[in-house]
């Protein structure tokens, strides 16, 4: 799953959660022609027009989580 999140050609990915829905402050759009909303670029998204952004929402068991 950790390798998949970096290699998958998708804008939103959910790992070990029921629905791959990001928090409200993340953009809800994909990398290709998928988009939900009125305006395609607002604020930071308009500036970062040429980047491929990815939102990953994941939950890991404590023994598998990283220790920072």
PDB file of N, CA and C in Angstrom:
ATOM      1  N   UNK A   1       0.818  -1.188   0.000  1.00  0.00           N
ATOM      2  CA  UNK A   1       0.000   0.000   0.000  1.00  0.00           C
ATOM      3  C   UNK A   1       0.865   1.256   0.000  1.00  0.00           C
ATOM      4  N   UNK A   2       1.970   1.231   0.718  1.00  0.00           N
ATOM      5  CA  UNK A   2       2.831   2.419   0.746  1.00  0.00           C
ATOM      6  C   UNK A   2       3.476   2.661  -0.610  1.00  0.00           C
ATOM      7  N   UNK A   3       3.808   1.619  -1.316  1.00  0.00           N
ATOM      8  CA  UNK A   3       4.358   1.769  -2.666  1.00  0.00           C
ATOM      9  C   UNK A   3       3.267   2.229  -3.632  1.00  0.00           C
ATOM     10  N   UNK A   4       2.073   1.689  -3.475  1.00  0.00           N
ATOM     11  CA  UNK A   4       0.948   2.027  -4.348  1.00  0.00           C
ATOM     12  C   UNK A   4       0.620   3.514  -4.296  1.00  0.00           C
ATOM     13  N   UNK A   5       0.675   4.125  -3.114  1.00  0.00           N
ATOM     14  CA  UNK A   5       0.304   5.537  -2.992  1.00  0.00           C
ATOM     15  C   UNK A   5       1.214   6.445  -3.788  1.00  0.00           C
ATOM     16  N   UNK A   6       2.459   6.047  -4.001  1.00  0.00           N
ATOM     17  CA  UNK A   6       3.375   6.861  -4.796  1.00  0.00           C
ATOM     18  C   UNK A   6       3.261   6.584  -6.289  1.00  0.00           C
ATOM     19  N   UNK A   7       2.909   5.360  -6.659  1.00  0.00           N
ATOM     20  CA  UNK A   7       2.915   4.970  -8.065  1.00  0.00           C
ATOM     21  C   UNK A   7       1.554   5.038  -8.747  1.00  0.00           C
ATOM     22  N   UNK A   8       0.471   5.130  -8.005  1.00  0.00           N
ATOM     23  CA  UNK A   8      -0.867   5.140  -8.604  1.00  0.00           C
ATOM     24  C   UNK A   8      -1.131   6.475  -9.295  1.00  0.00           C
ATOM     25  N   UNK A   9      -1.602   6.430 -10.542  1.00  0.00           N
ATOM     26  CA  UNK A   9      -1.909   7.676 -11.260  1.00  0.00           C
ATOM     27  C   UNK A   9      -3.297   8.197 -10.886  1.00  0.00           C
ATOM     28  N   UNK A  10      -3.432   8.664  -9.651  1.00  0.00           N
ATOM     29  CA  UNK A  10      -4.728   9.131  -9.159  1.00  0.00           C
ATOM     30  C   UNK A  10      -4.543  10.378  -8.316  1.00  0.00           C
ATOM     31  N   UNK A  11      -5.572  11.199  -8.265  1.00  0.00           N
ATOM     32  CA  UNK A  11      -5.519  12.425  -7.480  1.00  0.00           C
ATOM     33  C   UNK A  11      -5.922  12.241  -6.033  1.00  0.00           C
ATOM     34  N   UNK A  12      -6.785  11.276  -5.737  1.00  0.00           N
ATOM     35  CA  UNK A  12      -7.224  10.986  -4.372  1.00  0.00           C
ATOM     36  C   UNK A  12      -7.118   9.494  -4.133  1.00  0.00           C
ATOM     37  N   UNK A  13      -6.487   9.112  -3.038  1.00  0.00           N
ATOM     38  CA  UNK A  13      -6.306   7.704  -2.690  1.00  0.00           C
ATOM     39  C   UNK A  13      -6.674   7.527  -1.228  1.00  0.00           C
ATOM     40  N   UNK A  14      -7.399   6.463  -0.914  1.00  0.00           N
ATOM     41  CA  UNK A  14      -7.714   6.129   0.470  1.00  0.00           C
ATOM     42  C   UNK A  14      -7.131   4.773   0.808  1.00  0.00           C
ATOM     43  N   UNK A  15      -6.408   4.685   1.920  1.00  0.00           N
ATOM     44  CA  UNK A  15      -5.783   3.434   2.349  1.00  0.00           C
ATOM     45  C   UNK A  15      -6.266   3.127   3.759  1.00  0.00           C
ATOM     46  N   UNK A  16      -6.829   1.960   3.940  1.00  0.00           N
ATOM     47  CA  UNK A  16      -7.338   1.498   5.232  1.00  0.00           C
ATOM     48  C   UNK A  16      -8.421   2.414   5.799  1.00  0.00           C
ATOM     49  N   UNK A  17      -9.213   3.032   4.918  1.00  0.00           N
ATOM     50  CA  UNK A  17     -10.348   3.850   5.341  1.00  0.00           C
ATOM     51  C   UNK A  17     -11.542   3.475   4.482  1.00  0.00           C
ATOM     52  N   UNK A  18     -12.725   3.811   4.926  1.00  0.00           N
ATOM     53  CA  UNK A  18     -13.937   3.433   4.201  1.00  0.00           C
ATOM     54  C   UNK A  18     -14.140   4.193   2.907  1.00  0.00           C
ATOM     55  N   UNK A  19     -13.920   5.492   2.932  1.00  0.00           N
ATOM     56  CA  UNK A  19     -14.150   6.346   1.767  1.00  0.00           C
ATOM     57  C   UNK A  19     -12.909   7.203   1.548  1.00  0.00           C
ATOM     58  N   UNK A  20     -12.462   7.251   0.304  1.00  0.00           N
ATOM     59  CA  UNK A  20     -11.259   8.045  -0.012  1.00  0.00           C
ATOM     60  C   UNK A  20     -11.622   9.511  -0.183  1.00  0.00           C
ATOM     61  N   UNK A  21     -12.141  10.127   0.860  1.00  0.00           N
ATOM     62  CA  UNK A  21     -12.540  11.534   0.813  1.00  0.00           C
ATOM     63  C   UNK A  21     -11.589  12.341   1.685  1.00  0.00           C
ATOM     64  N   UNK A  22     -10.894  13.304   1.107  1.00  0.00           N
ATOM     65  CA  UNK A  22      -9.962  14.113   1.893  1.00  0.00           C
ATOM     66  C   UNK A  22     -10.690  15.114   2.782  1.00  0.00           C
ATOM     67  N   UNK A  23      -9.946  15.750   3.659  1.00  0.00           N
ATOM     68  CA  UNK A  23     -10.502  16.809   4.499  1.00  0.00           C
ATOM     69  C   UNK A  23     -10.967  17.953   3.607  1.00  0.00           C
ATOM     70  N   UNK A  24     -11.819  18.812   4.111  1.00  0.00           N
ATOM     71  CA  UNK A  24     -12.435  19.861   3.297  1.00  0.00           C
ATOM     72  C   UNK A  24     -11.432  20.838   2.706  1.00  0.00           C
ATOM     73  N   UNK A  25     -10.280  21.034   3.317  1.00  0.00           N
ATOM     74  CA  UNK A  25      -9.326  22.015   2.812  1.00  0.00           C
ATOM     75  C   UNK A  25      -8.425  21.474   1.707  1.00  0.00           C
ATOM     76  N   UNK A  26      -8.533  20.200   1.339  1.00  0.00           N
ATOM     77  CA  UNK A  26      -7.801  19.650   0.201  1.00  0.00           C
ATOM     78  C   UNK A  26      -8.653  19.771  -1.058  1.00  0.00           C
ATOM     79  N   UNK A  27      -8.046  19.966  -2.233  1.00  0.00           N
ATOM     80  CA  UNK A  27      -8.828  20.032  -3.472  1.00  0.00           C
ATOM     81  C   UNK A  27      -9.410  18.662  -3.802  1.00  0.00           C
ATOM     82  N   UNK A  28     -10.585  18.656  -4.382  1.00  0.00           N
ATOM     83  CA  UNK A  28     -11.213  17.398  -4.776  1.00  0.00           C
ATOM     84  C   UNK A  28     -11.222  17.329  -6.295  1.00  0.00           C
ATOM     85  N   UNK A  29     -10.096  16.976  -6.848  1.00  0.00           N
ATOM     86  CA  UNK A  29      -9.979  16.816  -8.297  1.00  0.00           C
ATOM     87  C   UNK A  29      -8.957  15.740  -8.583  1.00  0.00           C
ATOM     88  N   UNK A  30      -8.924  15.300  -9.820  1.00  0.00           N
ATOM     89  CA  UNK A  30      -8.002  14.250 -10.204  1.00  0.00           C
ATOM     90  C   UNK A  30      -6.899  14.764 -11.103  1.00  0.00           C
ATOM     91  N   UNK A  31      -6.213  13.841 -11.748  1.00  0.00           N
ATOM     92  CA  UNK A  31      -5.095  14.200 -12.617  1.00  0.00           C
ATOM     93  C   UNK A  31      -5.519  14.332 -14.065  1.00  0.00           C
ATOM     94  N   UNK A  32      -6.616  13.767 -14.420  1.00  0.00           N
ATOM     95  CA  UNK A  32      -7.025  13.784 -15.833  1.00  0.00           C
ATOM     96  C   UNK A  32      -8.175  14.771 -16.004  1.00  0.00           C
ATOM     97  N   UNK A  33      -9.317  14.344 -16.453  1.00  0.00           N
ATOM     98  CA  UNK A  33     -10.444  15.254 -16.666  1.00  0.00           C
ATOM     99  C   UNK A  33     -11.469  15.223 -15.539  1.00  0.00           C
ATOM    100  N   UNK A  34     -11.157  14.555 -14.432  1.00  0.00           N
ATOM    101  CA  UNK A  34     -12.118  14.487 -13.336  1.00  0.00           C
ATOM    102  C   UNK A  34     -12.008  15.736 -12.466  1.00  0.00           C
ATOM    103  N   UNK A  35     -13.148  16.261 -12.070  1.00  0.00           N
ATOM    104  CA  UNK A  35     -13.186  17.456 -11.219  1.00  0.00           C
ATOM    105  C   UNK A  35     -14.582  17.609 -10.644  1.00  0.00           C
ATOM    106  N   UNK A  36     -14.670  18.073  -9.413  1.00  0.00           N
ATOM    107  CA  UNK A  36     -15.958  18.343  -8.786  1.00  0.00           C
ATOM    108  C   UNK A  36     -15.909  19.751  -8.215  1.00  0.00           C
ATOM    109  N   UNK A  37     -16.748  20.632  -8.720  1.00  0.00           N
ATOM    110  CA  UNK A  37     -16.778  22.001  -8.232  1.00  0.00           C
ATOM    111  C   UNK A  37     -17.037  22.989  -9.356  1.00  0.00           C
ATOM    112  N   UNK A  38     -17.008  24.276  -9.023  1.00  0.00           N
ATOM    113  CA  UNK A  38     -17.284  25.326  -9.999  1.00  0.00           C
ATOM    114  C   UNK A  38     -16.037  25.817 -10.718  1.00  0.00           C
ATOM    115  N   UNK A  39     -14.975  26.053  -9.974  1.00  0.00           N
ATOM    116  CA  UNK A  39     -13.758  26.616 -10.552  1.00  0.00           C
ATOM    117  C   UNK A  39     -12.624  25.604 -10.462  1.00  0.00           C
ATOM    118  N   UNK A  40     -11.883  25.450 -11.536  1.00  0.00           N
ATOM    119  CA  UNK A  40     -10.814  24.450 -11.553  1.00  0.00           C
ATOM    120  C   UNK A  40      -9.571  24.916 -10.817  1.00  0.00           C
ATOM    121  N   UNK A  41      -9.332  26.200 -10.753  1.00  0.00           N
ATOM    122  CA  UNK A  41      -8.144  26.677 -10.055  1.00  0.00           C
ATOM    123  C   UNK A  41      -8.469  27.825  -9.130  1.00  0.00           C
ATOM    124  N   UNK A  42      -8.196  27.648  -7.859  1.00  0.00           N
ATOM    125  CA  UNK A  42      -8.405  28.715  -6.889  1.00  0.00           C
ATOM    126  C   UNK A  42      -7.152  28.811  -6.026  1.00  0.00           C
ATOM    127  N   UNK A  43      -6.677  30.009  -5.800  1.00  0.00           N
ATOM    128  CA  UNK A  43      -5.557  30.222  -4.898  1.00  0.00           C
ATOM    129  C   UNK A  43      -4.318  29.458  -5.296  1.00  0.00           C
ATOM    130  N   UNK A  44      -3.882  28.600  -4.420  1.00  0.00           N
ATOM    131  CA  UNK A  44      -2.647  27.845  -4.633  1.00  0.00           C
ATOM    132  C   UNK A  44      -2.742  26.918  -5.844  1.00  0.00           C
ATOM    133  N   UNK A  45      -3.916  26.326  -6.100  1.00  0.00           N
ATOM    134  CA  UNK A  45      -4.072  25.448  -7.258  1.00  0.00           C
ATOM    135  C   UNK A  45      -3.854  26.198  -8.562  1.00  0.00           C
ATOM    136  N   UNK A  46      -4.251  27.448  -8.627  1.00  0.00           N
ATOM    137  CA  UNK A  46      -4.042  28.229  -9.843  1.00  0.00           C
ATOM    138  C   UNK A  46      -2.560  28.497 -10.068  1.00  0.00           C
ATOM    139  N   UNK A  47      -1.800  28.675  -9.007  1.00  0.00           N
ATOM    140  CA  UNK A  47      -0.358  28.912  -9.123  1.00  0.00           C
ATOM    141  C   UNK A  47       0.370  27.635  -9.515  1.00  0.00           C
ATOM    142  N   UNK A  48      -0.024  26.521  -8.954  1.00  0.00           N
ATOM    143  CA  UNK A  48       0.646  25.247  -9.214  1.00  0.00           C
ATOM    144  C   UNK A  48      -0.025  24.500 -10.371  1.00  0.00           C
ATOM    145  N   UNK A  49      -0.293  25.198 -11.441  1.00  0.00           N
ATOM    146  CA  UNK A  49      -1.032  24.647 -12.576  1.00  0.00           C
ATOM    147  C   UNK A  49      -0.332  23.453 -13.208  1.00  0.00           C
ATOM    148  N   UNK A  50       0.980  23.456 -13.268  1.00  0.00           N
ATOM    149  CA  UNK A  50       1.717  22.416 -13.977  1.00  0.00           C
ATOM    150  C   UNK A  50       2.203  21.286 -13.078  1.00  0.00           C
ATOM    151  N   UNK A  51       1.666  21.145 -11.910  1.00  0.00           N
ATOM    152  CA  UNK A  51       2.076  20.066 -11.018  1.00  0.00           C
ATOM    153  C   UNK A  51       0.985  19.008 -10.941  1.00  0.00           C
ATOM    154  N   UNK A  52       1.372  17.793 -10.622  1.00  0.00           N
ATOM    155  CA  UNK A  52       0.430  16.706 -10.367  1.00  0.00           C
ATOM    156  C   UNK A  52       0.396  16.482  -8.865  1.00  0.00           C
ATOM    157  N   UNK A  53      -0.648  16.978  -8.228  1.00  0.00           N
ATOM    158  CA  UNK A  53      -0.776  16.842  -6.786  1.00  0.00           C
ATOM    159  C   UNK A  53      -1.554  15.576  -6.460  1.00  0.00           C
ATOM    160  N   UNK A  54      -1.268  15.018  -5.305  1.00  0.00           N
ATOM    161  CA  UNK A  54      -1.934  13.797  -4.873  1.00  0.00           C
ATOM    162  C   UNK A  54      -2.257  13.919  -3.392  1.00  0.00           C
ATOM    163  N   UNK A  55      -3.478  13.598  -3.025  1.00  0.00           N
ATOM    164  CA  UNK A  55      -3.892  13.571  -1.627  1.00  0.00           C
ATOM    165  C   UNK A  55      -4.003  12.119  -1.210  1.00  0.00           C
ATOM    166  N   UNK A  56      -3.299  11.740  -0.158  1.00  0.00           N
ATOM    167  CA  UNK A  56      -3.350  10.378   0.361  1.00  0.00           C
ATOM    168  C   UNK A  56      -3.869  10.453   1.790  1.00  0.00           C
ATOM    169  N   UNK A  57      -4.991   9.799   2.049  1.00  0.00           N
ATOM    170  CA  UNK A  57      -5.552   9.699   3.390  1.00  0.00           C
ATOM    171  C   UNK A  57      -5.389   8.251   3.804  1.00  0.00           C
ATOM    172  N   UNK A  58      -4.690   8.021   4.910  1.00  0.00           N
ATOM    173  CA  UNK A  58      -4.413   6.642   5.303  1.00  0.00           C
ATOM    174  C   UNK A  58      -4.451   6.491   6.814  1.00  0.00           C
ATOM    175  N   UNK A  59      -4.672   5.273   7.246  1.00  0.00           N
ATOM    176  CA  UNK A  59      -4.671   4.937   8.661  1.00  0.00           C
ATOM    177  C   UNK A  59      -3.945   3.605   8.807  1.00  0.00           C
ATOM    178  N   UNK A  60      -2.925   3.578   9.633  1.00  0.00           N
ATOM    179  CA  UNK A  60      -2.134   2.373   9.849  1.00  0.00           C
ATOM    180  C   UNK A  60      -2.233   1.962  11.315  1.00  0.00           C
ATOM    181  N   UNK A  61      -2.124   0.660  11.542  1.00  0.00           N
ATOM    182  CA  UNK A  61      -2.078   0.172  12.917  1.00  0.00           C
ATOM    183  C   UNK A  61      -0.827   0.736  13.588  1.00  0.00           C
ATOM    184  N   UNK A  62      -0.856   0.908  14.890  1.00  0.00           N
ATOM    185  CA  UNK A  62       0.248   1.556  15.598  1.00  0.00           C
ATOM    186  C   UNK A  62       1.584   0.846  15.357  1.00  0.00           C
ATOM    187  N   UNK A  63       1.611  -0.464  15.284  1.00  0.00           N
ATOM    188  CA  UNK A  63       2.877  -1.181  15.087  1.00  0.00           C
ATOM    189  C   UNK A  63       3.456  -0.977  13.690  1.00  0.00           C
ATOM    190  N   UNK A  64       2.627  -0.522  12.732  1.00  0.00           N
ATOM    191  CA  UNK A  64       3.108  -0.273  11.377  1.00  0.00           C
ATOM    192  C   UNK A  64       3.367   1.204  11.103  1.00  0.00           C
ATOM    193  N   UNK A  65       3.020   2.061  12.032  1.00  0.00           N
ATOM    194  CA  UNK A  65       3.185   3.495  11.788  1.00  0.00           C
ATOM    195  C   UNK A  65       4.634   3.909  12.007  1.00  0.00           C
ATOM    196  N   UNK A  66       4.980   5.003  11.367  1.00  0.00           N
ATOM    197  CA  UNK A  66       6.337   5.527  11.507  1.00  0.00           C
ATOM    198  C   UNK A  66       6.481   6.231  12.848  1.00  0.00           C
ATOM    199  N   UNK A  67       7.682   6.204  13.368  1.00  0.00           N
ATOM    200  CA  UNK A  67       7.966   6.899  14.620  1.00  0.00           C
ATOM    201  C   UNK A  67       8.780   8.139  14.289  1.00  0.00           C
ATOM    202  N   UNK A  68       8.195   9.302  14.544  1.00  0.00           N
ATOM    203  CA  UNK A  68       8.887  10.561  14.258  1.00  0.00           C
ATOM    204  C   UNK A  68       9.402  11.171  15.536  1.00  0.00           C
TER     205      UNK A  68
END
